[in-house]
Amino acid sequence: GSAAGHNGLKHIEITLGHSNYARLRFGVGDNFPKGQQVDYVLSGFDKDEIPELPALIDRSIEMIKSFTTIGTELTMTKFNK
């Protein structure tokens, strides 16, 4: 993959000296006006979203454990539905 303008990924690639590394991507949805992605991603959670966080965090932990034990392809098959 490529950094695609993401400074954090650029830093990883510079540090590693290559772009051949596995990565996990977490979707943030599309509930923002056009051009306001940065503000949306960097803002806090809405009060309606807060009750959902424990379940989302638990699922994220499951995904990370799966990624580290069975690898990228099987994890994507298991969770990308």
PDB file of N, CA and C in Angstrom:
ATOM      1  N   GLY A   1       0.816  -1.182   0.000  1.00  0.00           N
ATOM      2  CA  GLY A   1       0.000   0.000   0.000  1.00  0.00           C
ATOM      3  C   GLY A   1       0.859   1.245   0.000  1.00  0.00           C
ATOM      4  N   SER A   2       0.207   2.368   0.069  1.00  0.00           N
ATOM      5  CA  SER A   2       0.934   3.635   0.120  1.00  0.00           C
ATOM      6  C   SER A   2       0.404   4.465   1.274  1.00  0.00           C
ATOM      7  N   ALA A   3       1.157   5.485   1.622  1.00  0.00           N
ATOM      8  CA  ALA A   3       0.753   6.367   2.720  1.00  0.00           C
ATOM      9  C   ALA A   3      -0.468   7.200   2.355  1.00  0.00           C
ATOM     10  N   ALA A   4      -0.689   7.422   1.079  1.00  0.00           N
ATOM     11  CA  ALA A   4      -1.861   8.165   0.599  1.00  0.00           C
ATOM     12  C   ALA A   4      -2.061   9.485   1.338  1.00  0.00           C
ATOM     13  N   GLY A   5      -0.972  10.190   1.611  1.00  0.00           N
ATOM     14  CA  GLY A   5      -1.074  11.494   2.255  1.00  0.00           C
ATOM     15  C   GLY A   5      -1.178  11.446   3.766  1.00  0.00           C
ATOM     16  N   HIS A   6      -1.185  10.260   4.343  1.00  0.00           N
ATOM     17  CA  HIS A   6      -1.308  10.112   5.794  1.00  0.00           C
ATOM     18  C   HIS A   6       0.079  10.232   6.424  1.00  0.00           C
ATOM     19  N   ASN A   7       0.295  11.284   7.208  1.00  0.00           N
ATOM     20  CA  ASN A   7       1.624  11.551   7.763  1.00  0.00           C
ATOM     21  C   ASN A   7       2.119  10.453   8.696  1.00  0.00           C
ATOM     22  N   GLY A   8       1.224   9.839   9.448  1.00  0.00           N
ATOM     23  CA  GLY A   8       1.633   8.747  10.331  1.00  0.00           C
ATOM     24  C   GLY A   8       2.183   7.575   9.545  1.00  0.00           C
ATOM     25  N   LEU A   9       1.512   7.232   8.442  1.00  0.00           N
ATOM     26  CA  LEU A   9       1.992   6.140   7.600  1.00  0.00           C
ATOM     27  C   LEU A   9       3.285   6.520   6.892  1.00  0.00           C
ATOM     28  N   LYS A  10       3.397   7.776   6.486  1.00  0.00           N
ATOM     29  CA  LYS A  10       4.655   8.230   5.875  1.00  0.00           C
ATOM     30  C   LYS A  10       5.813   8.028   6.841  1.00  0.00           C
ATOM     31  N   HIS A  11       5.589   8.365   8.112  1.00  0.00           N
ATOM     32  CA  HIS A  11       6.635   8.216   9.127  1.00  0.00           C
ATOM     33  C   HIS A  11       7.023   6.743   9.297  1.00  0.00           C
ATOM     34  N   ILE A  12       6.030   5.867   9.330  1.00  0.00           N
ATOM     35  CA  ILE A  12       6.312   4.433   9.448  1.00  0.00           C
ATOM     36  C   ILE A  12       7.161   3.965   8.272  1.00  0.00           C
ATOM     37  N   GLU A  13       6.798   4.393   7.057  1.00  0.00           N
ATOM     38  CA  GLU A  13       7.531   3.973   5.864  1.00  0.00           C
ATOM     39  C   GLU A  13       8.959   4.511   5.862  1.00  0.00           C
ATOM     40  N   ILE A  14       9.138   5.727   6.313  1.00  0.00           N
ATOM     41  CA  ILE A  14      10.491   6.294   6.402  1.00  0.00           C
ATOM     42  C   ILE A  14      11.307   5.509   7.429  1.00  0.00           C
ATOM     43  N   THR A  15      10.700   5.223   8.567  1.00  0.00           N
ATOM     44  CA  THR A  15      11.392   4.492   9.629  1.00  0.00           C
ATOM     45  C   THR A  15      11.772   3.082   9.183  1.00  0.00           C
ATOM     46  N   LEU A  16      10.832   2.383   8.525  1.00  0.00           N
ATOM     47  CA  LEU A  16      11.094   1.020   8.069  1.00  0.00           C
ATOM     48  C   LEU A  16      11.978   0.981   6.826  1.00  0.00           C
ATOM     49  N   GLY A  17      11.901   2.035   6.026  1.00  0.00           N
ATOM     50  CA  GLY A  17      12.636   2.058   4.769  1.00  0.00           C
ATOM     51  C   GLY A  17      11.895   1.375   3.637  1.00  0.00           C
ATOM     52  N   HIS A  18      10.644   1.043   3.859  1.00  0.00           N
ATOM     53  CA  HIS A  18       9.810   0.422   2.820  1.00  0.00           C
ATOM     54  C   HIS A  18       8.339   0.567   3.206  1.00  0.00           C
ATOM     55  N   SER A  19       7.461   0.189   2.290  1.00  0.00           N
ATOM     56  CA  SER A  19       6.027   0.292   2.570  1.00  0.00           C
ATOM     57  C   SER A  19       5.364  -1.081   2.634  1.00  0.00           C
ATOM     58  N   ASN A  20       6.159  -2.120   2.768  1.00  0.00           N
ATOM     59  CA  ASN A  20       5.629  -3.479   2.799  1.00  0.00           C
ATOM     60  C   ASN A  20       5.400  -3.917   4.247  1.00  0.00           C
ATOM     61  N   TYR A  21       4.287  -3.510   4.816  1.00  0.00           N
ATOM     62  CA  TYR A  21       3.941  -3.879   6.185  1.00  0.00           C
ATOM     63  C   TYR A  21       2.431  -4.027   6.275  1.00  0.00           C
ATOM     64  N   ALA A  22       2.002  -4.876   7.181  1.00  0.00           N
ATOM     65  CA  ALA A  22       0.564  -5.080   7.372  1.00  0.00           C
ATOM     66  C   ALA A  22      -0.012  -3.909   8.154  1.00  0.00           C
ATOM     67  N   ARG A  23      -1.255  -3.590   7.858  1.00  0.00           N
ATOM     68  CA  ARG A  23      -1.913  -2.504   8.588  1.00  0.00           C
ATOM     69  C   ARG A  23      -3.381  -2.843   8.809  1.00  0.00           C
ATOM     70  N   LEU A  24      -3.901  -2.327   9.862  1.00  0.00           N
ATOM     71  CA  LEU A  24      -5.319  -2.461  10.162  1.00  0.00           C
ATOM     72  C   LEU A  24      -5.985  -1.125   9.885  1.00  0.00           C
ATOM     73  N   ARG A  25      -7.132  -1.174   9.252  1.00  0.00           N
ATOM     74  CA  ARG A  25      -7.869   0.061   8.973  1.00  0.00           C
ATOM     75  C   ARG A  25      -9.199   0.006   9.703  1.00  0.00           C
ATOM     76  N   PHE A  26      -9.523   1.091  10.354  1.00  0.00           N
ATOM     77  CA  PHE A  26     -10.788   1.201  11.058  1.00  0.00           C
ATOM     78  C   PHE A  26     -11.609   2.292  10.386  1.00  0.00           C
ATOM     79  N   GLY A  27     -12.808   1.954   9.967  1.00  0.00           N
ATOM     80  CA  GLY A  27     -13.671   2.932   9.326  1.00  0.00           C
ATOM     81  C   GLY A  27     -14.238   3.914  10.334  1.00  0.00           C
ATOM     82  N   VAL A  28     -14.446   5.135   9.895  1.00  0.00           N
ATOM     83  CA  VAL A  28     -15.030   6.159  10.764  1.00  0.00           C
ATOM     84  C   VAL A  28     -16.402   6.592  10.271  1.00  0.00           C
ATOM     85  N   GLY A  29     -16.866   5.957   9.212  1.00  0.00           N
ATOM     86  CA  GLY A  29     -18.162   6.320   8.665  1.00  0.00           C
ATOM     87  C   GLY A  29     -18.057   7.487   7.699  1.00  0.00           C
ATOM     88  N   ASP A  30     -19.199   8.015   7.343  1.00  0.00           N
ATOM     89  CA  ASP A  30     -19.221   9.130   6.396  1.00  0.00           C
ATOM     90  C   ASP A  30     -20.247  10.180   6.818  1.00  0.00           C
ATOM     91  N   ASN A  31     -20.407  10.317   8.098  1.00  0.00           N
ATOM     92  CA  ASN A  31     -21.410  11.233   8.642  1.00  0.00           C
ATOM     93  C   ASN A  31     -20.815  12.630   8.845  1.00  0.00           C
ATOM     94  N   PHE A  32     -20.294  13.204   7.768  1.00  0.00           N
ATOM     95  CA  PHE A  32     -19.694  14.531   7.849  1.00  0.00           C
ATOM     96  C   PHE A  32     -19.884  15.242   6.517  1.00  0.00           C
ATOM     97  N   PRO A  33     -19.943  16.576   6.542  1.00  0.00           N
ATOM     98  CA  PRO A  33     -20.064  17.334   5.298  1.00  0.00           C
ATOM     99  C   PRO A  33     -18.798  17.189   4.445  1.00  0.00           C
ATOM    100  N   LYS A  34     -18.960  17.294   3.153  1.00  0.00           N
ATOM    101  CA  LYS A  34     -17.824  17.197   2.237  1.00  0.00           C
ATOM    102  C   LYS A  34     -16.739  18.200   2.640  1.00  0.00           C
ATOM    103  N   GLY A  35     -15.499  17.708   2.696  1.00  0.00           N
ATOM    104  CA  GLY A  35     -14.369  18.551   3.052  1.00  0.00           C
ATOM    105  C   GLY A  35     -14.141  18.699   4.547  1.00  0.00           C
ATOM    106  N   GLN A  36     -14.979  18.068   5.348  1.00  0.00           N
ATOM    107  CA  GLN A  36     -14.871  18.201   6.807  1.00  0.00           C
ATOM    108  C   GLN A  36     -14.387  16.911   7.478  1.00  0.00           C
ATOM    109  N   GLN A  37     -13.746  16.035   6.715  1.00  0.00           N
ATOM    110  CA  GLN A  37     -13.294  14.763   7.255  1.00  0.00           C
ATOM    111  C   GLN A  37     -12.345  14.945   8.439  1.00  0.00           C
ATOM    112  N   VAL A  38     -11.406  15.862   8.317  1.00  0.00           N
ATOM    113  CA  VAL A  38     -10.416  16.060   9.379  1.00  0.00           C
ATOM    114  C   VAL A  38     -11.107  16.476  10.672  1.00  0.00           C
ATOM    115  N   ASP A  39     -12.012  17.438  10.580  1.00  0.00           N
ATOM    116  CA  ASP A  39     -12.730  17.883  11.774  1.00  0.00           C
ATOM    117  C   ASP A  39     -13.526  16.734  12.392  1.00  0.00           C
ATOM    118  N   TYR A  40     -14.147  15.929  11.543  1.00  0.00           N
ATOM    119  CA  TYR A  40     -14.952  14.803  12.023  1.00  0.00           C
ATOM    120  C   TYR A  40     -14.079  13.778  12.748  1.00  0.00           C
ATOM    121  N   VAL A  41     -12.972  13.400  12.126  1.00  0.00           N
ATOM    122  CA  VAL A  41     -12.095  12.374  12.694  1.00  0.00           C
ATOM    123  C   VAL A  41     -11.461  12.843  13.999  1.00  0.00           C
ATOM    124  N   LEU A  42     -11.106  14.110  14.080  1.00  0.00           N
ATOM    125  CA  LEU A  42     -10.417  14.625  15.262  1.00  0.00           C
ATOM    126  C   LEU A  42     -11.358  15.120  16.360  1.00  0.00           C
ATOM    127  N   SER A  43     -12.652  15.124  16.101  1.00  0.00           N
ATOM    128  CA  SER A  43     -13.601  15.602  17.109  1.00  0.00           C
ATOM    129  C   SER A  43     -13.919  14.494  18.110  1.00  0.00           C
ATOM    130  N   GLY A  44     -14.526  14.883  19.216  1.00  0.00           N
ATOM    131  CA  GLY A  44     -14.945  13.916  20.223  1.00  0.00           C
ATOM    132  C   GLY A  44     -16.174  13.149  19.759  1.00  0.00           C
ATOM    133  N   PHE A  45     -16.546  12.150  20.539  1.00  0.00           N
ATOM    134  CA  PHE A  45     -17.728  11.367  20.217  1.00  0.00           C
ATOM    135  C   PHE A  45     -18.982  12.131  20.612  1.00  0.00           C
ATOM    136  N   ASP A  46     -20.049  11.968  19.829  1.00  0.00           N
ATOM    137  CA  ASP A  46     -21.350  12.524  20.188  1.00  0.00           C
ATOM    138  C   ASP A  46     -21.894  11.755  21.386  1.00  0.00           C
ATOM    139  N   LYS A  47     -22.793  12.390  22.127  1.00  0.00           N
ATOM    140  CA  LYS A  47     -23.359  11.720  23.304  1.00  0.00           C
ATOM    141  C   LYS A  47     -24.102  10.441  22.922  1.00  0.00           C
ATOM    142  N   ASP A  48     -24.649  10.385  21.714  1.00  0.00           N
ATOM    143  CA  ASP A  48     -25.343   9.182  21.257  1.00  0.00           C
ATOM    144  C   ASP A  48     -24.371   8.048  20.932  1.00  0.00           C
ATOM    145  N   GLU A  49     -23.128   8.377  20.630  1.00  0.00           N
ATOM    146  CA  GLU A  49     -22.136   7.362  20.266  1.00  0.00           C
ATOM    147  C   GLU A  49     -21.467   6.729  21.487  1.00  0.00           C
ATOM    148  N   ILE A  50     -21.419   7.445  22.577  1.00  0.00           N
ATOM    149  CA  ILE A  50     -20.684   6.985  23.767  1.00  0.00           C
ATOM    150  C   ILE A  50     -21.163   5.615  24.265  1.00  0.00           C
ATOM    151  N   PRO A  51     -22.471   5.357  24.349  1.00  0.00           N
ATOM    152  CA  PRO A  51     -22.907   4.037  24.824  1.00  0.00           C
ATOM    153  C   PRO A  51     -22.452   2.882  23.917  1.00  0.00           C
ATOM    154  N   GLU A  52     -22.174   3.172  22.657  1.00  0.00           N
ATOM    155  CA  GLU A  52     -21.750   2.136  21.712  1.00  0.00           C
ATOM    156  C   GLU A  52     -20.269   1.789  21.844  1.00  0.00           C
ATOM    157  N   LEU A  53     -19.489   2.633  22.490  1.00  0.00           N
ATOM    158  CA  LEU A  53     -18.036   2.454  22.538  1.00  0.00           C
ATOM    159  C   LEU A  53     -17.580   1.131  23.148  1.00  0.00           C
ATOM    160  N   PRO A  54     -18.114   0.678  24.281  1.00  0.00           N
ATOM    161  CA  PRO A  54     -17.614  -0.587  24.839  1.00  0.00           C
ATOM    162  C   PRO A  54     -17.706  -1.758  23.850  1.00  0.00           C
ATOM    163  N   ALA A  55     -18.818  -1.885  23.156  1.00  0.00           N
ATOM    164  CA  ALA A  55     -18.965  -2.977  22.184  1.00  0.00           C
ATOM    165  C   ALA A  55     -17.994  -2.805  21.016  1.00  0.00           C
ATOM    166  N   LEU A  56     -17.810  -1.573  20.556  1.00  0.00           N
ATOM    167  CA  LEU A  56     -16.873  -1.324  19.458  1.00  0.00           C
ATOM    168  C   LEU A  56     -15.435  -1.612  19.872  1.00  0.00           C
ATOM    169  N   ILE A  57     -15.093  -1.252  21.090  1.00  0.00           N
ATOM    170  CA  ILE A  57     -13.741  -1.525  21.593  1.00  0.00           C
ATOM    171  C   ILE A  57     -13.526  -3.031  21.725  1.00  0.00           C
ATOM    172  N   ASP A  58     -14.520  -3.746  22.256  1.00  0.00           N
ATOM    173  CA  ASP A  58     -14.402  -5.204  22.376  1.00  0.00           C
ATOM    174  C   ASP A  58     -14.207  -5.855  21.005  1.00  0.00           C
ATOM    175  N   ARG A  59     -14.966  -5.407  20.025  1.00  0.00           N
ATOM    176  CA  ARG A  59     -14.827  -5.969  18.668  1.00  0.00           C
ATOM    177  C   ARG A  59     -13.457  -5.623  18.089  1.00  0.00           C
ATOM    178  N   SER A  60     -12.975  -4.433  18.339  1.00  0.00           N
ATOM    179  CA  SER A  60     -11.646  -4.041  17.864  1.00  0.00           C
ATOM    180  C   SER A  60     -10.567  -4.925  18.474  1.00  0.00           C
ATOM    181  N   ILE A  61     -10.711  -5.235  19.746  1.00  0.00           N
ATOM    182  CA  ILE A  61      -9.754  -6.121  20.414  1.00  0.00           C
ATOM    183  C   ILE A  61      -9.780  -7.506  19.776  1.00  0.00           C
ATOM    184  N   GLU A  62     -10.983  -8.022  19.486  1.00  0.00           N
ATOM    185  CA  GLU A  62     -11.101  -9.316  18.808  1.00  0.00           C
ATOM    186  C   GLU A  62     -10.375  -9.288  17.463  1.00  0.00           C
ATOM    187  N   MET A  63     -10.554  -8.211  16.718  1.00  0.00           N
ATOM    188  CA  MET A  63      -9.915  -8.091  15.408  1.00  0.00           C
ATOM    189  C   MET A  63      -8.396  -8.061  15.529  1.00  0.00           C
ATOM    190  N   ILE A  64      -7.891  -7.316  16.486  1.00  0.00           N
ATOM    191  CA  ILE A  64      -6.439  -7.216  16.670  1.00  0.00           C
ATOM    192  C   ILE A  64      -5.863  -8.569  17.071  1.00  0.00           C
ATOM    193  N   LYS A  65      -6.524  -9.263  17.988  1.00  0.00           N
ATOM    194  CA  LYS A  65      -6.057 -10.598  18.379  1.00  0.00           C
ATOM    195  C   LYS A  65      -6.056 -11.540  17.180  1.00  0.00           C
ATOM    196  N   SER A  66      -7.107 -11.488  16.390  1.00  0.00           N
ATOM    197  CA  SER A  66      -7.192 -12.328  15.204  1.00  0.00           C
ATOM    198  C   SER A  66      -6.079 -11.996  14.223  1.00  0.00           C
ATOM    199  N   PHE A  67      -5.862 -10.734  13.993  1.00  0.00           N
ATOM    200  CA  PHE A  67      -4.814 -10.268  13.079  1.00  0.00           C
ATOM    201  C   PHE A  67      -3.449 -10.807  13.496  1.00  0.00           C
ATOM    202  N   THR A  68      -3.186 -10.811  14.800  1.00  0.00           N
ATOM    203  CA  THR A  68      -1.868 -11.247  15.272  1.00  0.00           C
ATOM    204  C   THR A  68      -1.733 -12.760  15.353  1.00  0.00           C
ATOM    205  N   THR A  69      -2.849 -13.490  15.355  1.00  0.00           N
ATOM    206  CA  THR A  69      -2.760 -14.946  15.479  1.00  0.00           C
ATOM    207  C   THR A  69      -3.016 -15.690  14.174  1.00  0.00           C
ATOM    208  N   ILE A  70      -3.971 -15.222  13.365  1.00  0.00           N
ATOM    209  CA  ILE A  70      -4.275 -15.967  12.132  1.00  0.00           C
ATOM    210  C   ILE A  70      -3.932 -15.191  10.865  1.00  0.00           C
ATOM    211  N   GLY A  71      -3.506 -13.944  11.002  1.00  0.00           N
ATOM    212  CA  GLY A  71      -3.047 -13.190   9.844  1.00  0.00           C
ATOM    213  C   GLY A  71      -4.101 -12.326   9.183  1.00  0.00           C
ATOM    214  N   THR A  72      -3.629 -11.593   8.203  1.00  0.00           N
ATOM    215  CA  THR A  72      -4.448 -10.584   7.532  1.00  0.00           C
ATOM    216  C   THR A  72      -5.622 -11.181   6.768  1.00  0.00           C
ATOM    217  N   GLU A  73      -5.346 -12.126   5.878  1.00  0.00           N
ATOM    218  CA  GLU A  73      -6.393 -12.647   4.990  1.00  0.00           C
ATOM    219  C   GLU A  73      -7.541 -13.287   5.761  1.00  0.00           C
ATOM    220  N   LEU A  74      -7.225 -14.180   6.697  1.00  0.00           N
ATOM    221  CA  LEU A  74      -8.285 -14.845   7.457  1.00  0.00           C
ATOM    222  C   LEU A  74      -9.044 -13.866   8.345  1.00  0.00           C
ATOM    223  N   THR A  75      -8.355 -12.885   8.881  1.00  0.00           N
ATOM    224  CA  THR A  75      -9.032 -11.872   9.695  1.00  0.00           C
ATOM    225  C   THR A  75      -9.993 -11.057   8.841  1.00  0.00           C
ATOM    226  N   MET A  76      -9.565 -10.675   7.643  1.00  0.00           N
ATOM    227  CA  MET A  76     -10.464  -9.920   6.759  1.00  0.00           C
ATOM    228  C   MET A  76     -11.683 -10.759   6.405  1.00  0.00           C
ATOM    229  N   THR A  77     -11.489 -12.042   6.132  1.00  0.00           N
ATOM    230  CA  THR A  77     -12.614 -12.919   5.818  1.00  0.00           C
ATOM    231  C   THR A  77     -13.569 -13.016   6.999  1.00  0.00           C
ATOM    232  N   LYS A  78     -13.008 -13.098   8.184  1.00  0.00           N
ATOM    233  CA  LYS A  78     -13.818 -13.259   9.391  1.00  0.00           C
ATOM    234  C   LYS A  78     -14.622 -12.007   9.742  1.00  0.00           C
ATOM    235  N   PHE A  79     -14.035 -10.832   9.579  1.00  0.00           N
ATOM    236  CA  PHE A  79     -14.661  -9.608  10.089  1.00  0.00           C
ATOM    237  C   PHE A  79     -15.266  -8.693   9.027  1.00  0.00           C
ATOM    238  N   ASN A  80     -14.835  -8.767   7.789  1.00  0.00           N
ATOM    239  CA  ASN A  80     -15.362  -7.873   6.746  1.00  0.00           C
ATOM    240  C   ASN A  80     -16.614  -8.475   6.135  1.00  0.00           C
ATOM    241  N   LYS A  81     -17.726  -8.239   6.782  1.00  0.00           N
ATOM    242  CA  LYS A  81     -18.999  -8.789   6.297  1.00  0.00           C
ATOM    243  C   LYS A  81     -19.986  -7.688   6.067  1.00  0.00           C
TER     244      LYS A  81
END
